[in-house]
Amino acid sequence: MADLTNPNSTSQTPISAENGSSTSPQPPTVLRCVTGSLMAGGFAAALYVFTLSIAQTFANKPIHSDNVTVINIAAAVRTLVMGIVALGGGVFAFASVGLMLLAMQLLIQKFAKKTTA
Protein backbone atom coordinates (compact mmCIF):
# COMPACT_ATOMS: atom_id res chain seq x y z
CA MET A 1 0.00 0.00 0.00
CA ALA A 2 1.42 3.40 -0.92
CA ASP A 3 1.89 6.10 1.69
CA LEU A 4 -0.26 8.92 0.35
CA THR A 5 1.01 11.44 2.91
CA ASN A 6 4.66 11.03 1.91
CA PRO A 7 5.50 12.32 -1.59
CA ASN A 8 8.86 10.50 -1.49
CA SER A 9 7.27 7.13 -0.92
CA THR A 10 8.69 4.28 -2.98
CA SER A 11 5.54 2.72 -4.32
CA GLN A 12 5.31 1.03 -7.67
CA THR A 13 3.82 3.03 -10.50
CA PRO A 14 1.01 1.54 -12.57
CA ILE A 15 2.05 -0.34 -15.69
CA SER A 16 0.24 2.02 -18.03
CA ALA A 17 2.11 5.03 -16.61
CA GLU A 18 5.50 3.31 -17.04
CA ASN A 19 5.31 2.56 -20.74
CA GLY A 20 3.43 5.71 -21.75
CA SER A 21 0.44 3.85 -23.14
CA SER A 22 -2.04 5.78 -21.04
CA THR A 23 -5.02 7.09 -22.89
CA SER A 24 -4.17 10.62 -23.91
CA PRO A 25 -6.84 12.86 -25.38
CA GLN A 26 -6.94 12.61 -29.15
CA PRO A 27 -7.45 15.74 -31.23
CA PRO A 28 -10.99 16.14 -32.53
CA THR A 29 -11.73 15.06 -36.07
CA VAL A 30 -14.58 16.10 -38.32
CA LEU A 31 -16.09 12.61 -38.27
CA ARG A 32 -16.01 12.38 -34.48
CA CYS A 33 -17.58 15.84 -34.17
CA VAL A 34 -20.36 15.07 -36.63
CA THR A 35 -21.19 11.69 -35.09
CA GLY A 36 -21.15 13.21 -31.61
CA SER A 37 -23.38 16.02 -32.82
CA LEU A 38 -25.83 13.58 -34.36
CA MET A 39 -25.95 11.49 -31.19
CA ALA A 40 -26.45 14.56 -28.98
CA GLY A 41 -29.11 15.83 -31.38
CA GLY A 42 -30.88 12.50 -31.19
CA PHE A 43 -30.87 12.63 -27.40
CA ALA A 44 -32.13 16.23 -27.50
CA ALA A 45 -34.98 15.30 -29.86
CA ALA A 46 -35.93 12.32 -27.70
CA LEU A 47 -35.93 14.47 -24.57
CA TYR A 48 -38.02 17.10 -26.36
CA VAL A 49 -40.64 14.49 -27.26
CA PHE A 50 -40.46 13.19 -23.69
CA THR A 51 -40.99 16.73 -22.36
CA LEU A 52 -44.08 17.15 -24.55
CA SER A 53 -45.39 13.78 -23.39
CA ILE A 54 -44.90 14.66 -19.73
CA ALA A 55 -46.58 18.05 -20.20
CA GLN A 56 -49.55 16.41 -21.91
CA THR A 57 -49.84 13.82 -19.14
CA PHE A 58 -49.71 16.46 -16.43
CA ALA A 59 -52.33 18.54 -18.26
CA ASN A 60 -54.70 15.58 -18.63
CA LYS A 61 -54.37 14.47 -14.99
CA PRO A 62 -55.06 17.39 -12.66
CA ILE A 63 -54.43 17.15 -8.95
CA HIS A 64 -57.61 16.22 -7.05
CA SER A 65 -57.22 17.27 -3.44
CA ASP A 66 -58.68 19.70 -0.96
CA ASN A 67 -55.41 19.86 0.99
CA VAL A 68 -53.36 22.93 0.05
CA THR A 69 -50.09 21.28 1.09
CA VAL A 70 -50.72 18.32 -1.22
CA ILE A 71 -51.46 20.64 -4.13
CA ASN A 72 -48.33 22.72 -3.47
CA ILE A 73 -46.06 19.66 -3.20
CA ALA A 74 -47.56 18.07 -6.31
CA ALA A 75 -47.11 21.30 -8.27
CA ALA A 76 -43.50 21.54 -7.08
CA VAL A 77 -42.76 17.93 -8.08
CA ARG A 78 -44.36 18.41 -11.49
CA THR A 79 -42.35 21.57 -12.02
CA LEU A 80 -39.12 19.82 -11.02
CA VAL A 81 -39.79 16.89 -13.34
CA MET A 82 -40.55 19.18 -16.27
CA GLY A 83 -37.55 21.37 -15.51
CA ILE A 84 -35.07 18.52 -15.28
CA VAL A 85 -36.21 16.90 -18.52
CA ALA A 86 -36.28 20.24 -20.36
CA LEU A 87 -32.84 21.15 -19.01
CA GLY A 88 -31.43 17.83 -20.17
CA GLY A 89 -32.86 18.36 -23.63
CA GLY A 90 -31.45 21.88 -23.76
CA VAL A 91 -27.99 20.74 -22.71
CA PHE A 92 -27.91 18.03 -25.38
CA ALA A 93 -29.20 20.46 -28.02
CA PHE A 94 -26.54 23.01 -27.07
CA ALA A 95 -23.84 20.32 -27.21
CA SER A 96 -25.10 19.18 -30.60
CA VAL A 97 -24.90 22.70 -32.04
CA GLY A 98 -21.46 23.22 -30.52
CA LEU A 99 -20.09 19.98 -31.96
CA MET A 100 -21.47 20.80 -35.41
CA LEU A 101 -19.85 24.25 -35.26
CA LEU A 102 -16.57 22.62 -34.19
CA ALA A 103 -16.78 20.28 -37.19
CA MET A 104 -17.31 23.25 -39.48
CA GLN A 105 -14.34 25.04 -37.91
CA LEU A 106 -12.14 21.98 -38.41
CA LEU A 107 -13.21 21.76 -42.06
CA ILE A 108 -12.41 25.43 -42.63
CA GLN A 109 -9.00 25.01 -41.00
CA LYS A 110 -8.36 21.91 -43.09
CA PHE A 111 -9.16 23.72 -46.35
CA ALA A 112 -7.16 26.78 -45.29
CA LYS A 113 -4.09 24.58 -44.70
CA LYS A 114 -4.48 22.97 -48.15
CA THR A 115 -4.61 26.29 -49.98
CA THR A 116 -1.59 27.73 -48.15
CA ALA A 117 0.52 24.58 -48.46
C-alpha atoms as a PDB file:
ATOM      1  CA  MET A   1       0.000   0.000   0.000  1.00  0.00           C
ATOM      2  CA  ALA A   2       1.416   3.405  -0.923  1.00  0.00           C
ATOM      3  CA  ASP A   3       1.892   6.102   1.692  1.00  0.00           C
ATOM      4  CA  LEU A   4      -0.258   8.920   0.354  1.00  0.00           C
ATOM      5  CA  THR A   5       1.006  11.441   2.909  1.00  0.00           C
ATOM      6  CA  ASN A   6       4.663  11.028   1.912  1.00  0.00           C
ATOM      7  CA  PRO A   7       5.503  12.321  -1.592  1.00  0.00           C
ATOM      8  CA  ASN A   8       8.856  10.499  -1.487  1.00  0.00           C
ATOM      9  CA  SER A   9       7.268   7.130  -0.921  1.00  0.00           C
ATOM     10  CA  THR A  10       8.695   4.276  -2.984  1.00  0.00           C
ATOM     11  CA  SER A  11       5.544   2.716  -4.323  1.00  0.00           C
ATOM     12  CA  GLN A  12       5.311   1.029  -7.667  1.00  0.00           C
ATOM     13  CA  THR A  13       3.816   3.033 -10.502  1.00  0.00           C
ATOM     14  CA  PRO A  14       1.007   1.542 -12.574  1.00  0.00           C
ATOM     15  CA  ILE A  15       2.049  -0.343 -15.689  1.00  0.00           C
ATOM     16  CA  SER A  16       0.238   2.025 -18.034  1.00  0.00           C
ATOM     17  CA  ALA A  17       2.113   5.029 -16.607  1.00  0.00           C
ATOM     18  CA  GLU A  18       5.497   3.310 -17.035  1.00  0.00           C
ATOM     19  CA  ASN A  19       5.313   2.555 -20.743  1.00  0.00           C
ATOM     20  CA  GLY A  20       3.427   5.705 -21.751  1.00  0.00           C
ATOM     21  CA  SER A  21       0.439   3.850 -23.141  1.00  0.00           C
ATOM     22  CA  SER A  22      -2.037   5.781 -21.035  1.00  0.00           C
ATOM     23  CA  THR A  23      -5.016   7.094 -22.894  1.00  0.00           C
ATOM     24  CA  SER A  24      -4.168  10.624 -23.908  1.00  0.00           C
ATOM     25  CA  PRO A  25      -6.844  12.862 -25.379  1.00  0.00           C
ATOM     26  CA  GLN A  26      -6.937  12.615 -29.150  1.00  0.00           C
ATOM     27  CA  PRO A  27      -7.451  15.735 -31.234  1.00  0.00           C
ATOM     28  CA  PRO A  28     -10.993  16.139 -32.529  1.00  0.00           C
ATOM     29  CA  THR A  29     -11.726  15.058 -36.068  1.00  0.00           C
ATOM     30  CA  VAL A  30     -14.576  16.097 -38.319  1.00  0.00           C
ATOM     31  CA  LEU A  31     -16.086  12.613 -38.273  1.00  0.00           C
ATOM     32  CA  ARG A  32     -16.015  12.382 -34.477  1.00  0.00           C
ATOM     33  CA  CYS A  33     -17.577  15.842 -34.166  1.00  0.00           C
ATOM     34  CA  VAL A  34     -20.360  15.065 -36.633  1.00  0.00           C
ATOM     35  CA  THR A  35     -21.189  11.692 -35.090  1.00  0.00           C
ATOM     36  CA  GLY A  36     -21.147  13.214 -31.611  1.00  0.00           C
ATOM     37  CA  SER A  37     -23.378  16.016 -32.822  1.00  0.00           C
ATOM     38  CA  LEU A  38     -25.833  13.575 -34.361  1.00  0.00           C
ATOM     39  CA  MET A  39     -25.951  11.494 -31.190  1.00  0.00           C
ATOM     40  CA  ALA A  40     -26.449  14.560 -28.984  1.00  0.00           C
ATOM     41  CA  GLY A  41     -29.111  15.833 -31.382  1.00  0.00           C
ATOM     42  CA  GLY A  42     -30.878  12.496 -31.187  1.00  0.00           C
ATOM     43  CA  PHE A  43     -30.868  12.632 -27.398  1.00  0.00           C
ATOM     44  CA  ALA A  44     -32.131  16.227 -27.504  1.00  0.00           C
ATOM     45  CA  ALA A  45     -34.976  15.301 -29.861  1.00  0.00           C
ATOM     46  CA  ALA A  46     -35.926  12.323 -27.703  1.00  0.00           C
ATOM     47  CA  LEU A  47     -35.927  14.468 -24.570  1.00  0.00           C
ATOM     48  CA  TYR A  48     -38.022  17.101 -26.364  1.00  0.00           C
ATOM     49  CA  VAL A  49     -40.639  14.491 -27.258  1.00  0.00           C
ATOM     50  CA  PHE A  50     -40.463  13.186 -23.689  1.00  0.00           C
ATOM     51  CA  THR A  51     -40.991  16.733 -22.364  1.00  0.00           C
ATOM     52  CA  LEU A  52     -44.075  17.149 -24.547  1.00  0.00           C
ATOM     53  CA  SER A  53     -45.389  13.782 -23.386  1.00  0.00           C
ATOM     54  CA  ILE A  54     -44.896  14.663 -19.732  1.00  0.00           C
ATOM     55  CA  ALA A  55     -46.576  18.051 -20.195  1.00  0.00           C
ATOM     56  CA  GLN A  56     -49.548  16.406 -21.908  1.00  0.00           C
ATOM     57  CA  THR A  57     -49.844  13.816 -19.143  1.00  0.00           C
ATOM     58  CA  PHE A  58     -49.714  16.460 -16.426  1.00  0.00           C
ATOM     59  CA  ALA A  59     -52.329  18.544 -18.258  1.00  0.00           C
ATOM     60  CA  ASN A  60     -54.696  15.577 -18.626  1.00  0.00           C
ATOM     61  CA  LYS A  61     -54.367  14.468 -14.992  1.00  0.00           C
ATOM     62  CA  PRO A  62     -55.060  17.388 -12.657  1.00  0.00           C
ATOM     63  CA  ILE A  63     -54.433  17.146  -8.950  1.00  0.00           C
ATOM     64  CA  HIS A  64     -57.610  16.221  -7.049  1.00  0.00           C
ATOM     65  CA  SER A  65     -57.217  17.269  -3.443  1.00  0.00           C
ATOM     66  CA  ASP A  66     -58.677  19.696  -0.961  1.00  0.00           C
ATOM     67  CA  ASN A  67     -55.409  19.865   0.991  1.00  0.00           C
ATOM     68  CA  VAL A  68     -53.363  22.931   0.055  1.00  0.00           C
ATOM     69  CA  THR A  69     -50.093  21.279   1.090  1.00  0.00           C
ATOM     70  CA  VAL A  70     -50.722  18.325  -1.224  1.00  0.00           C
ATOM     71  CA  ILE A  71     -51.464  20.643  -4.130  1.00  0.00           C
ATOM     72  CA  ASN A  72     -48.326  22.715  -3.473  1.00  0.00           C
ATOM     73  CA  ILE A  73     -46.062  19.665  -3.199  1.00  0.00           C
ATOM     74  CA  ALA A  74     -47.564  18.066  -6.309  1.00  0.00           C
ATOM     75  CA  ALA A  75     -47.110  21.295  -8.271  1.00  0.00           C
ATOM     76  CA  ALA A  76     -43.503  21.535  -7.083  1.00  0.00           C
ATOM     77  CA  VAL A  77     -42.758  17.934  -8.076  1.00  0.00           C
ATOM     78  CA  ARG A  78     -44.359  18.406 -11.488  1.00  0.00           C
ATOM     79  CA  THR A  79     -42.350  21.568 -12.024  1.00  0.00           C
ATOM     80  CA  LEU A  80     -39.124  19.819 -11.017  1.00  0.00           C
ATOM     81  CA  VAL A  81     -39.785  16.890 -13.343  1.00  0.00           C
ATOM     82  CA  MET A  82     -40.548  19.176 -16.273  1.00  0.00           C
ATOM     83  CA  GLY A  83     -37.555  21.368 -15.514  1.00  0.00           C
ATOM     84  CA  ILE A  84     -35.073  18.521 -15.281  1.00  0.00           C
ATOM     85  CA  VAL A  85     -36.205  16.900 -18.522  1.00  0.00           C
ATOM     86  CA  ALA A  86     -36.278  20.236 -20.359  1.00  0.00           C
ATOM     87  CA  LEU A  87     -32.843  21.153 -19.007  1.00  0.00           C
ATOM     88  CA  GLY A  88     -31.432  17.830 -20.169  1.00  0.00           C
ATOM     89  CA  GLY A  89     -32.862  18.361 -23.633  1.00  0.00           C
ATOM     90  CA  GLY A  90     -31.451  21.876 -23.760  1.00  0.00           C
ATOM     91  CA  VAL A  91     -27.992  20.736 -22.712  1.00  0.00           C
ATOM     92  CA  PHE A  92     -27.913  18.033 -25.382  1.00  0.00           C
ATOM     93  CA  ALA A  93     -29.203  20.462 -28.018  1.00  0.00           C
ATOM     94  CA  PHE A  94     -26.545  23.006 -27.074  1.00  0.00           C
ATOM     95  CA  ALA A  95     -23.839  20.319 -27.210  1.00  0.00           C
ATOM     96  CA  SER A  96     -25.103  19.181 -30.595  1.00  0.00           C
ATOM     97  CA  VAL A  97     -24.899  22.697 -32.038  1.00  0.00           C
ATOM     98  CA  GLY A  98     -21.458  23.223 -30.522  1.00  0.00           C
ATOM     99  CA  LEU A  99     -20.092  19.984 -31.962  1.00  0.00           C
ATOM    100  CA  MET A 100     -21.468  20.801 -35.410  1.00  0.00           C
ATOM    101  CA  LEU A 101     -19.849  24.254 -35.257  1.00  0.00           C
ATOM    102  CA  LEU A 102     -16.570  22.624 -34.193  1.00  0.00           C
ATOM    103  CA  ALA A 103     -16.783  20.275 -37.189  1.00  0.00           C
ATOM    104  CA  MET A 104     -17.306  23.254 -39.478  1.00  0.00           C
ATOM    105  CA  GLN A 105     -14.337  25.037 -37.909  1.00  0.00           C
ATOM    106  CA  LEU A 106     -12.139  21.983 -38.414  1.00  0.00           C
ATOM    107  CA  LEU A 107     -13.210  21.763 -42.056  1.00  0.00           C
ATOM    108  CA  ILE A 108     -12.415  25.427 -42.629  1.00  0.00           C
ATOM    109  CA  GLN A 109      -9.002  25.006 -41.004  1.00  0.00           C
ATOM    110  CA  LYS A 110      -8.358  21.905 -43.093  1.00  0.00           C
ATOM    111  CA  PHE A 111      -9.157  23.716 -46.348  1.00  0.00           C
ATOM    112  CA  ALA A 112      -7.158  26.781 -45.291  1.00  0.00           C
ATOM    113  CA  LYS A 113      -4.093  24.582 -44.703  1.00  0.00           C
ATOM    114  CA  LYS A 114      -4.484  22.972 -48.147  1.00  0.00           C
ATOM    115  CA  THR A 115      -4.614  26.294 -49.977  1.00  0.00           C
ATOM    116  CA  THR A 116      -1.589  27.734 -48.154  1.00  0.00           C
ATOM    117  CA  ALA A 117       0.522  24.581 -48.456  1.00  0.00           C
END
